[in-house]
Amino acid sequence: MSPTPGYSEVANSQLDEIENGGDADLYDAILDVCEFVLAEPGKAQSRSSALTTAEGIRFRFAVPGHYPHKIFWSSDGPRIEAVFPYP
């Protein structure tokens, strides 16, 4: 299966695991954040913290109501890079 535009293969795999994990509220909240990031990257960037990685700057956006889950994304595209619990 090819990656979904706007999502890395890592993020696709992580989202599949979360979807199959049985927590529909978490999955829906994550998708809401992903949709916001992809639709409004400027606004999302202003509400994100940033990390510098070997691949460049990655933004981190908390999933409201689901601590410690975060969405990691890049402004290239923009693209969702990863989704996982991160303190």
Protein backbone atom coordinates (compact mmCIF):
# COMPACT_ATOMS: atom_id res chain seq x y z
CA MET A 1 0.00 0.00 0.00
CA SER A 2 1.38 3.43 -0.89
CA PRO A 3 1.50 6.17 1.74
CA THR A 4 -1.42 8.57 1.99
CA PRO A 5 -0.50 12.04 0.72
CA GLY A 6 0.36 14.23 3.70
CA TYR A 7 1.37 11.25 5.87
CA SER A 8 4.67 9.41 6.18
CA GLU A 9 4.73 5.61 6.10
CA VAL A 10 5.61 5.69 9.82
CA ALA A 11 2.57 7.86 10.60
CA ASN A 12 0.29 5.66 8.47
CA SER A 13 1.43 2.58 10.36
CA GLN A 14 1.03 4.25 13.74
CA LEU A 15 -2.45 5.49 12.84
CA ASP A 16 -3.44 1.98 11.76
CA GLU A 17 -2.27 0.62 15.13
CA ILE A 18 -4.21 3.28 17.03
CA GLU A 19 -7.33 2.69 14.93
CA ASN A 20 -7.13 -1.05 15.62
CA GLY A 21 -6.40 -0.46 19.31
CA GLY A 22 -10.05 0.11 20.14
CA ASP A 23 -9.88 3.67 21.53
CA ALA A 24 -12.17 5.45 19.07
CA ASP A 25 -12.05 8.75 21.01
CA LEU A 26 -8.24 8.85 20.80
CA TYR A 27 -8.26 7.96 17.11
CA ASP A 28 -10.87 10.64 16.32
CA ALA A 29 -8.98 13.28 18.32
CA ILE A 30 -5.74 12.43 16.49
CA LEU A 31 -7.47 12.67 13.11
CA ASP A 32 -8.92 16.06 14.10
CA VAL A 33 -5.41 17.35 14.87
CA CYS A 34 -3.99 15.86 11.67
CA GLU A 35 -6.73 17.50 9.60
CA PHE A 36 -6.07 20.84 11.32
CA VAL A 37 -2.31 20.61 10.72
CA LEU A 38 -2.75 19.72 7.05
CA ALA A 39 -5.46 22.34 6.42
CA GLU A 40 -4.00 25.20 8.49
CA PRO A 41 -0.23 24.69 8.78
CA GLY A 42 0.45 28.33 9.66
CA LYS A 43 -1.98 28.28 12.57
CA ALA A 44 -0.81 24.81 13.61
CA GLN A 45 2.81 25.95 13.61
CA SER A 46 1.97 28.85 15.93
CA ARG A 47 0.39 26.37 18.37
CA SER A 48 3.18 23.76 18.13
CA SER A 49 6.53 23.37 19.81
CA ALA A 50 9.52 22.50 17.63
CA LEU A 51 12.34 19.97 17.71
CA THR A 52 15.46 19.93 15.57
CA THR A 53 16.25 16.48 14.17
CA ALA A 54 18.75 15.14 11.65
CA GLU A 55 15.94 15.42 9.07
CA GLY A 56 15.21 19.05 9.96
CA ILE A 57 12.68 20.84 12.14
CA ARG A 58 9.72 18.78 13.32
CA PHE A 59 6.75 20.40 14.98
CA ARG A 60 4.98 18.76 17.90
CA PHE A 61 1.26 19.28 18.52
CA ALA A 62 -0.45 17.80 21.59
CA VAL A 63 -3.67 15.85 21.08
CA PRO A 64 -6.20 17.70 23.28
CA GLY A 65 -7.62 15.55 26.07
CA HIS A 66 -5.26 12.65 25.31
CA TYR A 67 -2.01 13.33 27.12
CA PRO A 68 0.72 12.30 26.35
CA HIS A 69 -0.14 11.69 22.66
CA LYS A 70 1.49 14.08 20.21
CA ILE A 71 1.46 14.61 16.45
CA PHE A 72 4.89 15.22 14.93
CA TRP A 73 4.81 16.99 11.60
CA SER A 74 6.97 18.86 9.10
CA SER A 75 6.10 22.00 7.22
CA ASP A 76 7.24 20.35 3.98
CA GLY A 77 3.94 19.67 2.34
CA PRO A 78 2.88 19.84 5.26
CA ARG A 79 3.25 16.21 6.28
CA ILE A 80 2.37 14.19 9.37
CA GLU A 81 5.58 12.36 10.31
CA ALA A 82 4.65 10.40 13.46
CA VAL A 83 1.98 9.92 16.13
CA PHE A 84 2.80 8.51 19.55
CA PRO A 85 2.78 9.15 23.31
CA TYR A 86 5.54 11.63 24.15
CA PRO A 87 5.81 13.38 27.52
